[in-house]
Structure formats: C-alpha cells, structure tokens
C-alpha atoms as a PDB file:
ATOM      1  CA  MET A   1      -0.023  -0.007  -0.003  1.00  0.00           C
ATOM      2  CA  LEU A   2       2.863   2.384   0.812  1.00  0.00           C
ATOM      3  CA  VAL A   3       4.617   1.684  -2.494  1.00  0.00           C
ATOM      4  CA  VAL A   4       1.424   2.224  -4.448  1.00  0.00           C
ATOM      5  CA  ALA A   5       0.607   5.420  -2.561  1.00  0.00           C
ATOM      6  CA  THR A   6       4.078   6.924  -3.243  1.00  0.00           C
ATOM      7  CA  SER A   7       3.973   5.843  -6.896  1.00  0.00           C
ATOM      8  CA  GLY A   8       0.518   7.436  -7.328  1.00  0.00           C
ATOM      9  CA  THR A   9       1.679  10.666  -5.678  1.00  0.00           C
ATOM     10  CA  GLY A  10       4.655  10.778  -8.041  1.00  0.00           C
ATOM     11  CA  PHE A  11       2.278  10.345 -10.990  1.00  0.00           C
ATOM     12  CA  VAL A  12       0.088  13.222  -9.881  1.00  0.00           C
ATOM     13  CA  LEU A  13       3.127  15.507  -9.354  1.00  0.00           C
ATOM     14  CA  GLY A  14       4.500  14.626 -12.775  1.00  0.00           C
ATOM     15  CA  SER A  15       1.184  15.153 -14.579  1.00  0.00           C
ATOM     16  CA  GLY A  16       1.280  18.936 -14.800  1.00  0.00           C
ATOM     17  CA  THR A  17      -2.038  20.651 -15.424  1.00  0.00           C
ATOM     18  CA  ALA A  18      -4.010  17.752 -16.920  1.00  0.00           C
ATOM     19  CA  MET A  19      -3.907  14.415 -15.195  1.00  0.00           C
ATOM     20  CA  ASP A  20      -4.690  11.151 -17.010  1.00  0.00           C
ATOM     21  CA  LEU A  21      -6.913   9.269 -14.532  1.00  0.00           C
ATOM     22  CA  SER A  22      -6.699   5.996 -16.464  1.00  0.00           C
ATOM     23  CA  GLY A  23      -2.921   6.335 -16.561  1.00  0.00           C
ATOM     24  CA  LEU A  24      -2.863   6.799 -12.810  1.00  0.00           C
ATOM     25  CA  CYS A  25      -4.906   3.615 -12.333  1.00  0.00           C
ATOM     26  CA  TRP A  26      -2.694   1.607 -14.664  1.00  0.00           C
ATOM     27  CA  THR A  27       0.412   2.916 -12.925  1.00  0.00           C
ATOM     28  CA  CYS A  28      -0.885   1.968  -9.488  1.00  0.00           C
ATOM     29  CA  ALA A  29      -1.990  -1.471 -10.705  1.00  0.00           C
ATOM     30  CA  GLY A  30       1.386  -2.213 -12.351  1.00  0.00           C
ATOM     31  CA  THR A  31       3.296  -0.930  -9.322  1.00  0.00           C
ATOM     32  CA  MET A  32       1.200  -3.073  -7.008  1.00  0.00           C
ATOM     33  CA  MET A  33       1.923  -6.204  -9.054  1.00  0.00           C
ATOM     34  CA  VAL A  34       5.676  -5.600  -9.187  1.00  0.00           C
ATOM     35  CA  ALA A  35       5.770  -4.803  -5.465  1.00  0.00           C
ATOM     36  CA  ALA A  36       3.837  -8.016  -4.732  1.00  0.00           C
ATOM     37  CA  SER A  37       6.419  -9.932  -6.809  1.00  0.00           C
ATOM     38  CA  ALA A  38       9.350  -8.350  -4.941  1.00  0.00           C
ATOM     39  CA  ASN A  39       7.835  -8.968  -1.526  1.00  0.00           C
ATOM     40  CA  SER A  40       6.996 -12.594  -2.427  1.00  0.00           C
ATOM     41  CA  LEU A  41      10.542 -13.286  -3.641  1.00  0.00           C
ATOM     42  CA  ASN A  42      11.846 -11.721  -0.436  1.00  0.00           C
ATOM     43  CA  GLN A  43       9.789 -14.174   1.637  1.00  0.00           C
ATOM     44  CA  VAL A  44      10.873 -17.113  -0.508  1.00  0.00           C
ATOM     45  CA  PHE A  45      14.544 -16.317   0.068  1.00  0.00           C
ATOM     46  CA  GLU A  46      14.058 -15.585   3.783  1.00  0.00           C
ATOM     47  CA  LYS A  47      11.749 -18.452   4.696  1.00  0.00           C
ATOM     48  CA  ASP A  48      14.144 -20.064   7.182  1.00  0.00           C
ATOM     49  CA  ASN A  49      15.115 -16.732   8.718  1.00  0.00           C
ATOM     50  CA  ASP A  50      11.511 -15.661   9.086  1.00  0.00           C
ATOM     51  CA  ALA A  51      10.713 -18.888  10.932  1.00  0.00           C
ATOM     52  CA  LYS A  52      13.134 -17.810  13.713  1.00  0.00           C
ATOM     53  CA  MET A  53      11.567 -14.423  14.312  1.00  0.00           C
ATOM     54  CA  LYS A  54       8.458 -13.669  16.343  1.00  0.00           C
ATOM     55  CA  ARG A  55       7.258 -10.925  13.994  1.00  0.00           C
ATOM     56  CA  THR A  56       7.524 -13.081  10.850  1.00  0.00           C
ATOM     57  CA  LYS A  57       7.103 -16.715  11.860  1.00  0.00           C
ATOM     58  CA  LEU A  58       3.379 -16.655  10.986  1.00  0.00           C
ATOM     59  CA  ARG A  59       3.946 -15.608   7.382  1.00  0.00           C
ATOM     60  CA  PRO A  60       2.509 -17.981   4.747  1.00  0.00           C
ATOM     61  CA  LEU A  61       5.762 -19.768   3.924  1.00  0.00           C
ATOM     62  CA  PRO A  62       7.315 -20.417   7.371  1.00  0.00           C
ATOM     63  CA  SER A  63       3.900 -21.358   8.757  1.00  0.00           C
ATOM     64  CA  GLY A  64       3.435 -23.890   5.940  1.00  0.00           C
ATOM     65  CA  ARG A  65       0.206 -22.431   4.534  1.00  0.00           C
ATOM     66  CA  ILE A  66       1.631 -22.345   0.988  1.00  0.00           C
ATOM     67  CA  THR A  67       4.629 -23.966  -0.694  1.00  0.00           C
ATOM     68  CA  ILE A  68       7.726 -22.415  -2.276  1.00  0.00           C
ATOM     69  CA  PRO A  69       6.715 -23.455  -5.860  1.00  0.00           C
ATOM     70  CA  HIS A  70       3.347 -21.779  -5.284  1.00  0.00           C
ATOM     71  CA  ALA A  71       5.055 -18.587  -4.089  1.00  0.00           C
ATOM     72  CA  LEU A  72       7.576 -18.592  -6.965  1.00  0.00           C
ATOM     73  CA  THR A  73       4.772 -19.036  -9.546  1.00  0.00           C
ATOM     74  CA  TRP A  74       2.866 -16.162  -8.006  1.00  0.00           C
ATOM     75  CA  ALA A  75       5.960 -13.911  -7.783  1.00  0.00           C
ATOM     76  CA  SER A  76       7.025 -14.611 -11.385  1.00  0.00           C
ATOM     77  CA  SER A  77       3.500 -14.022 -12.738  1.00  0.00           C
ATOM     78  CA  MET A  78       3.028 -10.759 -10.873  1.00  0.00           C
ATOM     79  CA  GLY A  79       6.435  -9.443 -11.849  1.00  0.00           C
ATOM     80  CA  LEU A  80       6.005 -10.167 -15.557  1.00  0.00           C
ATOM     81  CA  VAL A  81       2.401  -8.968 -15.808  1.00  0.00           C
ATOM     82  CA  GLY A  82       3.076  -5.825 -13.771  1.00  0.00           C
ATOM     83  CA  THR A  83       6.122  -4.838 -15.842  1.00  0.00           C
ATOM     84  CA  ALA A  84       4.294  -5.594 -19.104  1.00  0.00           C
ATOM     85  CA  LEU A  85       1.329  -3.528 -17.929  1.00  0.00           C
ATOM     86  CA  LEU A  86       3.521  -0.527 -17.175  1.00  0.00           C
ATOM     87  CA  ALA A  87       5.316  -0.872 -20.525  1.00  0.00           C
ATOM     88  CA  SER A  88       2.085  -1.053 -22.547  1.00  0.00           C
ATOM     89  CA  LYS A  89      -0.070   1.402 -20.642  1.00  0.00           C
ATOM     90  CA  THR A  90       2.502   3.995 -19.588  1.00  0.00           C
ATOM     91  CA  ASN A  91       6.017   3.910 -21.066  1.00  0.00           C
ATOM     92  CA  ALA A  92       9.250   1.912 -21.194  1.00  0.00           C
ATOM     93  CA  LEU A  93      11.012   4.157 -18.675  1.00  0.00           C
ATOM     94  CA  ALA A  94       8.433   3.440 -15.952  1.00  0.00           C
ATOM     95  CA  ALA A  95       8.548  -0.300 -16.734  1.00  0.00           C
ATOM     96  CA  GLY A  96      12.353  -0.253 -16.600  1.00  0.00           C
ATOM     97  CA  LEU A  97      12.346   1.476 -13.221  1.00  0.00           C
ATOM     98  CA  ALA A  98       9.860  -1.121 -11.888  1.00  0.00           C
ATOM     99  CA  ALA A  99      11.881  -4.069 -13.172  1.00  0.00           C
ATOM    100  CA  SER A 100      15.125  -2.601 -11.860  1.00  0.00           C
ATOM    101  CA  ASN A 101      13.615  -2.012  -8.438  1.00  0.00           C
ATOM    102  CA  LEU A 102      12.341  -5.590  -8.284  1.00  0.00           C
ATOM    103  CA  ILE A 103      15.829  -6.885  -9.005  1.00  0.00           C
ATOM    104  CA  LEU A 104      17.421  -4.470  -6.541  1.00  0.00           C
ATOM    105  CA  TYR A 105      14.989  -5.453  -3.771  1.00  0.00           C
ATOM    106  CA  ALA A 106      14.905  -9.220  -4.267  1.00  0.00           C
ATOM    107  CA  PHE A 107      18.446  -9.940  -5.411  1.00  0.00           C
ATOM    108  CA  VAL A 108      20.560  -7.215  -3.800  1.00  0.00           C
ATOM    109  CA  TYR A 109      18.818  -5.859  -0.692  1.00  0.00           C
ATOM    110  CA  THR A 110      17.410  -9.194   0.491  1.00  0.00           C
ATOM    111  CA  PRO A 111      20.700 -11.178   0.605  1.00  0.00           C
ATOM    112  CA  LEU A 112      22.573  -8.089   1.868  1.00  0.00           C
ATOM    113  CA  LYS A 113      20.432  -8.097   5.044  1.00  0.00           C
ATOM    114  CA  GLN A 114      22.382 -11.137   6.224  1.00  0.00           C
ATOM    115  CA  ILE A 115      25.800  -9.727   5.215  1.00  0.00           C
ATOM    116  CA  HIS A 116      26.190  -6.041   6.196  1.00  0.00           C
ATOM    117  CA  PRO A 117      24.254  -3.169   7.896  1.00  0.00           C
ATOM    118  CA  VAL A 118      24.531  -1.146   4.662  1.00  0.00           C
ATOM    119  CA  ASN A 119      21.405  -3.062   3.647  1.00  0.00           C
ATOM    120  CA  THR A 120      19.316  -0.298   5.277  1.00  0.00           C
ATOM    121  CA  TRP A 121      20.675   2.338   2.874  1.00  0.00           C
ATOM    122  CA  VAL A 122      20.185   0.039  -0.126  1.00  0.00           C
ATOM    123  CA  GLY A 123      16.607  -0.562   1.050  1.00  0.00           C
ATOM    124  CA  ALA A 124      16.130   3.202   1.248  1.00  0.00           C
ATOM    125  CA  VAL A 125      17.066   3.486  -2.428  1.00  0.00           C
ATOM    126  CA  VAL A 126      14.511   0.774  -3.201  1.00  0.00           C
ATOM    127  CA  GLY A 127      11.860   2.766  -1.369  1.00  0.00           C
ATOM    128  CA  ALA A 128      12.773   5.984  -3.128  1.00  0.00           C
ATOM    129  CA  ILE A 129      12.235   4.619  -6.669  1.00  0.00           C
ATOM    130  CA  PRO A 130       8.388   4.186  -6.709  1.00  0.00           C
ATOM    131  CA  PRO A 131       7.602   7.964  -6.701  1.00  0.00           C
ATOM    132  CA  LEU A 132      10.164   8.384  -9.464  1.00  0.00           C
ATOM    133  CA  LEU A 133       8.420   5.567 -11.329  1.00  0.00           C
ATOM    134  CA  GLY A 134       5.100   7.398 -10.990  1.00  0.00           C
ATOM    135  CA  TRP A 135       6.587  10.650 -12.243  1.00  0.00           C
ATOM    136  CA  ALA A 136       8.172   8.871 -15.214  1.00  0.00           C
ATOM    137  CA  ALA A 137       4.863   7.148 -16.019  1.00  0.00           C
ATOM    138  CA  ALA A 138       3.112  10.522 -16.169  1.00  0.00           C
ATOM    139  CA  SER A 139       5.770  12.643 -17.947  1.00  0.00           C
ATOM    140  CA  GLY A 140       7.845  10.067 -19.808  1.00  0.00           C
ATOM    141  CA  GLN A 141      11.083  11.349 -18.349  1.00  0.00           C
ATOM    142  CA  VAL A 142      13.011  12.070 -15.161  1.00  0.00           C
ATOM    143  CA  SER A 143      13.935  15.669 -14.264  1.00  0.00           C
ATOM    144  CA  LEU A 144      15.587  17.450 -11.363  1.00  0.00           C
ATOM    145  CA  ASN A 145      12.356  18.488  -9.664  1.00  0.00           C
ATOM    146  CA  SER A 146      11.092  14.912  -9.887  1.00  0.00           C
ATOM    147  CA  MET A 147      13.673  14.105  -7.173  1.00  0.00           C
ATOM    148  CA  ILE A 148      11.895  15.929  -4.308  1.00  0.00           C
ATOM    149  CA  LEU A 149       9.614  13.058  -3.282  1.00  0.00           C
ATOM    150  CA  PRO A 150      12.235  10.310  -3.852  1.00  0.00           C
ATOM    151  CA  ALA A 151      14.633  12.280  -1.642  1.00  0.00           C
ATOM    152  CA  ALA A 152      11.989  12.538   1.044  1.00  0.00           C
ATOM    153  CA  LEU A 153      11.356   8.784   0.841  1.00  0.00           C
ATOM    154  CA  TYR A 154      15.064   8.036   1.014  1.00  0.00           C
ATOM    155  CA  PHE A 155      15.868  10.167   4.058  1.00  0.00           C
ATOM    156  CA  TRP A 156      12.615   9.311   5.824  1.00  0.00           C
ATOM    157  CA  GLN A 157      13.272   5.587   5.619  1.00  0.00           C
ATOM    158  CA  ILE A 158      16.512   5.806   7.656  1.00  0.00           C
ATOM    159  CA  PRO A 159      14.971   7.018  10.979  1.00  0.00           C
ATOM    160  CA  HIS A 160      11.946   4.806  10.293  1.00  0.00           C
ATOM    161  CA  PHE A 161      14.053   1.656   9.930  1.00  0.00           C
ATOM    162  CA  MET A 162      16.517   2.661  12.685  1.00  0.00           C
ATOM    163  CA  ALA A 163      13.618   2.888  15.120  1.00  0.00           C
ATOM    164  CA  LEU A 164      12.308  -0.505  13.947  1.00  0.00           C
ATOM    165  CA  ALA A 165      15.777  -2.098  14.100  1.00  0.00           C
ATOM    166  CA  TYR A 166      16.265  -0.851  17.679  1.00  0.00           C
ATOM    167  CA  LEU A 167      12.825  -2.015  18.812  1.00  0.00           C
ATOM    168  CA  CYS A 168      13.255  -5.456  17.206  1.00  0.00           C
ATOM    169  CA  ARG A 169      17.024  -5.855  17.610  1.00  0.00           C
ATOM    170  CA  HIS A 170      16.754  -9.157  19.546  1.00  0.00           C
ATOM    171  CA  ASP A 171      14.374 -10.543  16.937  1.00  0.00           C
ATOM    172  CA  TYR A 172      16.685  -9.484  14.112  1.00  0.00           C
ATOM    173  CA  ALA A 173      19.612 -11.133  15.909  1.00  0.00           C
ATOM    174  CA  ALA A 174      17.621 -14.398  16.167  1.00  0.00           C
ATOM    175  CA  GLY A 175      16.838 -14.242  12.445  1.00  0.00           C
ATOM    176  CA  GLY A 176      20.475 -13.649  11.473  1.00  0.00           C
ATOM    177  CA  TYR A 177      20.014 -10.142  10.048  1.00  0.00           C
ATOM    178  CA  ARG A 178      22.948  -7.692  10.230  1.00  0.00           C
ATOM    179  CA  MET A 179      21.328  -4.486  11.355  1.00  0.00           C
ATOM    180  CA  LEU A 180      23.241  -1.470  12.602  1.00  0.00           C
ATOM    181  CA  SER A 181      21.577  -1.752  16.014  1.00  0.00           C
ATOM    182  CA  LEU A 182      23.049  -5.230  16.671  1.00  0.00           C
ATOM    183  CA  ALA A 183      26.634  -3.915  16.890  1.00  0.00           C
ATOM    184  CA  ASP A 184      25.529  -0.804  18.768  1.00  0.00           C
ATOM    185  CA  ALA A 185      24.752  -1.896  22.309  1.00  0.00           C
ATOM    186  CA  SER A 186      24.359   1.668  23.602  1.00  0.00           C
ATOM    187  CA  GLY A 187      22.153   2.692  20.684  1.00  0.00           C
ATOM    188  CA  GLN A 188      24.124   5.926  20.231  1.00  0.00           C
ATOM    189  CA  LYS A 189      25.140   5.266  16.642  1.00  0.00           C
ATOM    190  CA  THR A 190      21.626   4.156  15.710  1.00  0.00           C
ATOM    191  CA  ALA A 191      20.127   7.291  17.231  1.00  0.00           C
ATOM    192  CA  SER A 192      22.714   9.636  15.667  1.00  0.00           C
ATOM    193  CA  VAL A 193      22.089   8.167  12.182  1.00  0.00           C
ATOM    194  CA  ALA A 194      18.337   8.618  12.638  1.00  0.00           C
ATOM    195  CA  LEU A 195      18.734  12.239  13.820  1.00  0.00           C
ATOM    196  CA  ARG A 196      21.128  13.139  11.013  1.00  0.00           C
ATOM    197  CA  ASN A 197      18.785  11.878   8.304  1.00  0.00           C
ATOM    198  CA  CYS A 198      15.812  13.695   9.871  1.00  0.00           C
ATOM    199  CA  LEU A 199      17.784  16.931   9.541  1.00  0.00           C
ATOM    200  CA  TYR A 200      18.458  16.151   5.905  1.00  0.00           C
ATOM    201  CA  LEU A 201      14.716  16.438   5.308  1.00  0.00           C
ATOM    202  CA  ILE A 202      14.610  20.121   6.258  1.00  0.00           C
ATOM    203  CA  PRO A 203      15.713  21.652   2.904  1.00  0.00           C
ATOM    204  CA  LEU A 204      13.208  19.656   0.824  1.00  0.00           C
ATOM    205  CA  GLY A 205      10.330  22.058   1.301  1.00  0.00           C
ATOM    206  CA  PHE A 206      12.466  25.007   0.180  1.00  0.00           C
ATOM    207  CA  LEU A 207      13.766  23.061  -2.842  1.00  0.00           C
ATOM    208  CA  ALA A 208      10.194  22.096  -3.788  1.00  0.00           C
ATOM    209  CA  TYR A 209       9.274  25.787  -3.883  1.00  0.00           C
ATOM    210  CA  ASP A 210      12.493  26.936  -5.543  1.00  0.00           C
ATOM    211  CA  TRP A 211      12.184  24.334  -8.282  1.00  0.00           C
ATOM    212  CA  GLY A 212       8.575  25.262  -8.979  1.00  0.00           C
ATOM    213  CA  VAL A 213       6.962  22.111  -7.662  1.00  0.00           C
ATOM    214  CA  THR A 214       4.899  23.687  -4.831  1.00  0.00           C
ATOM    215  CA  SER A 215       3.827  27.030  -3.479  1.00  0.00           C
ATOM    216  CA  LYS A 216       5.724  28.794  -0.691  1.00  0.00           C
ATOM    217  CA  TRP A 217       3.280  27.557   1.940  1.00  0.00           C
ATOM    218  CA  PHE A 218       4.723  24.073   1.586  1.00  0.00           C
ATOM    219  CA  CYS A 219       8.060  25.426   2.818  1.00  0.00           C
ATOM    220  CA  LEU A 220       6.523  26.350   6.165  1.00  0.00           C
ATOM    221  CA  GLU A 221       4.465  23.169   6.521  1.00  0.00           C
ATOM    222  CA  SER A 222       7.355  20.903   5.501  1.00  0.00           C
ATOM    223  CA  THR A 223       9.767  22.618   7.889  1.00  0.00           C
ATOM    224  CA  LEU A 224       7.386  22.353  10.859  1.00  0.00           C
ATOM    225  CA  LEU A 225       6.699  18.698  10.054  1.00  0.00           C
ATOM    226  CA  THR A 226      10.423  17.895   9.752  1.00  0.00           C
ATOM    227  CA  LEU A 227      11.232  19.715  12.995  1.00  0.00           C
ATOM    228  CA  ALA A 228       8.575  17.607  14.712  1.00  0.00           C
ATOM    229  CA  ILE A 229      10.079  14.262  13.620  1.00  0.00           C
ATOM    230  CA  SER A 230      13.560  15.643  14.333  1.00  0.00           C
ATOM    231  CA  ALA A 231      12.467  16.451  17.862  1.00  0.00           C
ATOM    232  CA  THR A 232      11.488  12.814  18.464  1.00  0.00           C
ATOM    233  CA  ALA A 233      14.834  11.674  16.970  1.00  0.00           C
ATOM    234  CA  PHE A 234      16.735  14.115  19.206  1.00  0.00           C
ATOM    235  CA  SER A 235      14.786  12.861  22.218  1.00  0.00           C
ATOM    236  CA  PHE A 236      15.787   9.310  21.310  1.00  0.00           C
ATOM    237  CA  TYR A 237      19.383  10.440  20.863  1.00  0.00           C
ATOM    238  CA  GLN A 238      19.406  11.906  24.382  1.00  0.00           C
ATOM    239  CA  ASP A 239      17.603   9.019  26.042  1.00  0.00           C
ATOM    240  CA  ARG A 240      17.934   5.743  24.149  1.00  0.00           C
ATOM    241  CA  THR A 241      14.994   3.782  25.529  1.00  0.00           C
ATOM    242  CA  MET A 242      12.361   1.602  23.940  1.00  0.00           C
ATOM    243  CA  HIS A 243       9.744   4.256  24.708  1.00  0.00           C
ATOM    244  CA  LYS A 244      11.661   6.980  22.863  1.00  0.00           C
ATOM    245  CA  ALA A 245      12.394   4.675  19.909  1.00  0.00           C
ATOM    246  CA  ARG A 246       8.733   3.732  19.646  1.00  0.00           C
ATOM    247  CA  ARG A 247       7.742   7.387  19.708  1.00  0.00           C
ATOM    248  CA  MET A 248      10.153   8.141  16.851  1.00  0.00           C
ATOM    249  CA  PHE A 249       8.736   5.156  14.951  1.00  0.00           C
ATOM    250  CA  TYR A 250       5.176   6.447  15.319  1.00  0.00           C
ATOM    251  CA  ALA A 251       6.316   9.939  14.281  1.00  0.00           C
ATOM    252  CA  SER A 252       7.831   8.459  11.117  1.00  0.00           C
ATOM    253  CA  LEU A 253       4.532   6.717  10.330  1.00  0.00           C
ATOM    254  CA  LEU A 254       2.732  10.048  10.586  1.00  0.00           C
ATOM    255  CA  TYR A 255       5.356  12.086   8.688  1.00  0.00           C
ATOM    256  CA  LEU A 256       5.073  10.460   5.260  1.00  0.00           C
ATOM    257  CA  PRO A 257       1.297  10.719   4.604  1.00  0.00           C
ATOM    258  CA  VAL A 258       1.263  14.303   5.895  1.00  0.00           C
ATOM    259  CA  PHE A 259       4.242  15.248   3.724  1.00  0.00           C
ATOM    260  CA  MET A 260       2.691  13.682   0.617  1.00  0.00           C
ATOM    261  CA  SER A 261      -0.702  15.298   1.319  1.00  0.00           C
ATOM    262  CA  GLY A 262       1.004  18.697   1.697  1.00  0.00           C
ATOM    263  CA  ILE A 263       2.998  18.413  -1.530  1.00  0.00           C
ATOM    264  CA  LEU A 264      -0.168  17.426  -3.417  1.00  0.00           C
ATOM    265  CA  LEU A 265      -2.225  20.201  -1.799  1.00  0.00           C
ATOM    266  CA  HIS A 266       0.275  22.907  -2.655  1.00  0.00           C
ATOM    267  CA  ARG A 267       1.609  21.617  -5.978  1.00  0.00           C
ATOM    268  CA  LEU A 268       1.726  24.102  -8.840  1.00  0.00           C
ATOM    269  CA  SER A 269       0.320  23.593 -12.317  1.00  0.00           C
ATOM    270  CA  ASP A 270       2.487  24.171 -15.385  1.00  0.00           C
ATOM    271  CA  ASN A 271       1.066  27.729 -15.812  1.00  0.00           C
ATOM    272  CA  ASP A 272       1.778  28.542 -12.169  1.00  0.00           C
ATOM    273  CA  GLN A 273       5.335  27.270 -12.545  1.00  0.00           C
ATOM    274  CA  HIS A 274       5.935  29.531 -15.569  1.00  0.00           C
ATOM    275  CA  CYS A 275       4.511  32.572 -13.814  1.00  0.00           C
ATOM    276  CA  THR A 276       6.558  31.945 -10.687  1.00  0.00           C
ATOM    277  CA  ALA A 277       9.740  31.487 -12.696  1.00  0.00           C
ATOM    278  CA  ASP A 278       9.150  34.641 -14.744  1.00  0.00           C
ATOM    279  CA  ASN A 279       8.409  36.710 -11.647  1.00  0.00           C
ATOM    280  CA  ARG A 280      11.609  35.521 -10.020  1.00  0.00           C
ATOM    281  CA  LEU A 281      13.640  36.410 -13.065  1.00  0.00           C
ATOM    282  CA  ILE A 282      12.070  39.873 -13.326  1.00  0.00           C
ATOM    283  CA  SER A 283      12.900  40.502  -9.666  1.00  0.00           C
ATOM    284  CA  ARG A 284      16.454  39.388 -10.176  1.00  0.00           C
ATOM    285  CA  THR A 285      16.845  41.507 -13.288  1.00  0.00           C
ATOM    286  CA  GLU A 286      15.504  44.615 -11.486  1.00  0.00           C
ATOM    287  CA  LEU A 287      17.892  44.073  -8.597  1.00  0.00           C
ATOM    288  CA  ALA A 288      20.837  43.558 -10.951  1.00  0.00           C
ATOM    289  CA  SER A 289      20.156  46.636 -13.100  1.00  0.00           C
ATOM    290  CA  SER A 290      22.236  49.714 -12.282  1.00  0.00           C
ATOM    291  CA  PRO A 291      21.225  53.349 -12.976  1.00  0.00           C
ATOM    292  CA  GLN A 292      23.885  53.533 -15.718  1.00  0.00           C
ATOM    293  CA  GLU A 293      22.394  50.444 -17.407  1.00  0.00           C
ATOM    294  CA  SER A 294      18.940  52.008 -17.243  1.00  0.00           C
ATOM    295  CA  ARG A 295      20.227  55.183 -18.975  1.00  0.00           C
ATOM    296  CA  ASN A 296      21.882  53.117 -21.671  1.00  0.00           C
ATOM    297  CA  VAL A 297      18.656  51.237 -22.313  1.00  0.00           C
ATOM    298  CA  ASP A 298      16.656  54.548 -22.511  1.00  0.00           C
ATOM    299  CA  GLY A 299      19.152  55.962 -25.000  1.00  0.00           C
ATOM    300  CA  LYS A 300      18.763  52.974 -27.309  1.00  0.00           C
ATOM    301  CA  LYS A 301      14.980  52.768 -27.186  1.00  0.00           C
ATOM    302  CA  ASN A 302      14.507  54.323 -30.602  1.00  0.00           C
ATOM    303  CA  LYS A 303      16.860  51.976 -32.407  1.00  0.00           C
ATOM    304  CA  ALA A 304      15.482  49.201 -34.533  1.00  0.00           C
ATOM    305  CA  THR A 305      17.593  46.489 -32.920  1.00  0.00           C
ATOM    306  CA  PRO A 306      15.324  43.581 -31.898  1.00  0.00           C
ATOM    307  CA  VAL A 307      15.138  43.020 -28.149  1.00  0.00           C
ATOM    308  CA  ARG A 308      15.339  39.453 -26.954  1.00  0.00           C
ATOM    309  CA  PRO A 309      12.841  38.332 -24.327  1.00  0.00           C
ATOM    310  CA  PRO A 310      14.358  37.279 -20.972  1.00  0.00           C
ATOM    311  CA  VAL A 311      15.138  33.659 -20.445  1.00  0.00           C
ATOM    312  CA  ALA A 312      12.660  31.965 -18.127  1.00  0.00           C
ATOM    313  CA  TYR A 313      14.409  30.614 -15.031  1.00  0.00           C
ATOM    314  CA  ALA A 314      12.784  27.203 -15.445  1.00  0.00           C
ATOM    315  CA  SER A 315      13.206  27.010 -19.209  1.00  0.00           C
ATOM    316  CA  VAL A 316      16.860  26.014 -19.214  1.00  0.00           C
ATOM    317  CA  ALA A 317      18.788  23.011 -17.967  1.00  0.00           C
ATOM    318  CA  PRO A 318      18.257  21.137 -15.725  1.00  0.00           C
ATOM    319  CA  PHE A 319      14.614  21.511 -16.787  1.00  0.00           C
ATOM    320  CA  PRO A 320      14.691  20.069 -20.308  1.00  0.00           C
ATOM    321  CA  PHE A 321      11.022  19.102 -20.252  1.00  0.00           C
ATOM    322  CA  LEU A 322       9.901  22.780 -20.259  1.00  0.00           C
ATOM    323  CA  PRO A 323       9.570  24.982 -23.385  1.00  0.00           C
ATOM    324  CA  ALA A 324      12.738  26.329 -24.963  1.00  0.00           C
ATOM    325  CA  PRO A 325      13.502  30.098 -24.609  1.00  0.00           C
ATOM    326  CA  LEU A 326      11.422  32.286 -26.902  1.00  0.00           C
ATOM    327  CA  TYR A 327      14.453  33.781 -28.640  1.00  0.00           C
ATOM    328  CA  ALA A 328      15.936  30.410 -29.646  1.00  0.00           C
ATOM    329  CA  SER A 329      15.422  31.232 -33.318  1.00  0.00           C
ATOM    330  CA  TYR A 330      17.429  34.479 -33.251  1.00  0.00           C
END
C-alpha cells in the first residue's frame, strides 16, 4: 500500500495541469503487481530466517500455509504482468524502473540483510524509486524536480528503519540479520544516524518551492513537520529507551502521509510554474540593473535592434522538459 501510494503521488506531481486518470490507475496497478512480486521473492529467500523471528514466523511460507513453488509461480507471474502492464499502458522508462527495483529489492537488498548493515541504505534506495516511477509514467522522463519526493522517501526511511531495528534488535539477531543496532549496544550510533537523516529532510520544502513544484506555503508546513520528527529523533538520541524509539517510529509513520498530502495540496500547475519562474527572473533583473544600465537602455529605445525576451528561469537545464527560450530562433 505504501509503495502504491508513493507511486501514485509521483504520478500526480509529474502530470502537470491535466492528469490522466486511467494512466494513474494503470500505474498503481502495475506498481502493485511488481511490489507483490518483490515482496513474495523476499519471503521465499528468507523463509528459514523468518521462521526464527516472532514478527515473521506466521507468514504464509514459514507457517506452511503455502509452498515455495506456489510462491515462486505467483511472484514470477506478478512481476512479468506488472512490468508488461507498465510498458504497454504508460512507457518503457516506468517499466524499466519497476523491473530494476524488483531486481534491486529481491536480489541485492534481500541477501545483503544477512551480510552487512549497509542493507538499510540500499533498502532506502528501493523505497525511493516508486515515486520516481510514478513521475516517469506521467511525464515520460526524469527531471531534477522529480527528485523531491524520492529524496523525502530516502531520508525518511533511515529514521523509520533505525527505530524499527532498535525495537526489534533481539528478533533481528535471532533471524540472522545484520542491522546497525546489533553492533551498537548503547544505541548511540543508531540514534545519531536517525537524527542526522531527519535533519536532511529540512531543505526539501524550500527546494520544492524553488524548483517550482509547490507554493511557498509548503516550505513552512514541510519545515514544521520535519522539525517535529527531528524532535522525536533528538529525544531518542538523548535518552535511548524503547519508549523513545517507539515514539520516533510512530512519528515516522505520521510524517510520510502528511508530507505527501502537503506536496499534493500545494503543488503548482504548469502555468503557475511559468508565472513563478518569470516573476523571479524579473525580480532578479531589476535588482541587478544599475542606474547607468537604465540610462543606456533609454538611450537605445528608438533603435530598430530587436530586443530578446528574458530567459525563463525554469526554461533552461536542468529543466529540459519545459519549453525552450522564446528567442531560440534568433
């Protein structure tokens, strides 16, 4: 559900003024199938480990409710159908991102969990791709401002998983998973990593506004929201108890839906983005103009030399999906 929600949010953000409702539905359906495939393969590979953990021993495979061939058939079918659906109903880029994420999750992240604590950061990359997939499905390409939501997903996942790893560290040890919290008896490193990544979330609201994705109100809301989750992380850093870790975990659960709701509520249409970009450029031009430059311009007013329109701030790289400057033909 989380993967589908983030993918759908990415689709809406990448749609511009007019959103294709059927395209959104196809994107969510294809994403759901590929995610189901990845999760099923994960449980196939971790069947024996899951049987040793309290939180996972009742899953279908370790409990014996279904067999491994059954699970593999289901996983293969969902992966192939989901990828084909995205390729046929959206575009090849979205399908490629989905297939790549399936491989990264099932064949890189899953075995890495039993090898090294870096698995958490690899898992964060996996979680950051679905909103990028949604954006690509809507726009057909990946641009700089499409990275806002993936960045939020990436940095958000670190405190979320650090809290979970601390709360379930004994269970993870029994299952044979190499989490950072297992080699961190005091919990100080786990808490510092969580706090640091919470702070990395602070600039995202300002970037979303500066890059023309949202209005300025999102800056305020995003900052307040990030300071709230950072406060729980700082509290956990100061007092590393189960209670403080659980509070940070609950704060992380609240953060993501509120952040995504805010970015959707305050997102700008294509026309709004152009107006905002032009207004910024005009302001910068006025500030940069000196009195001498103004006199020179007044003296040349009567000449027949064609005047080139200003370049729109968002009409140049790294925004290749927007219209080219108006004077490109001069």
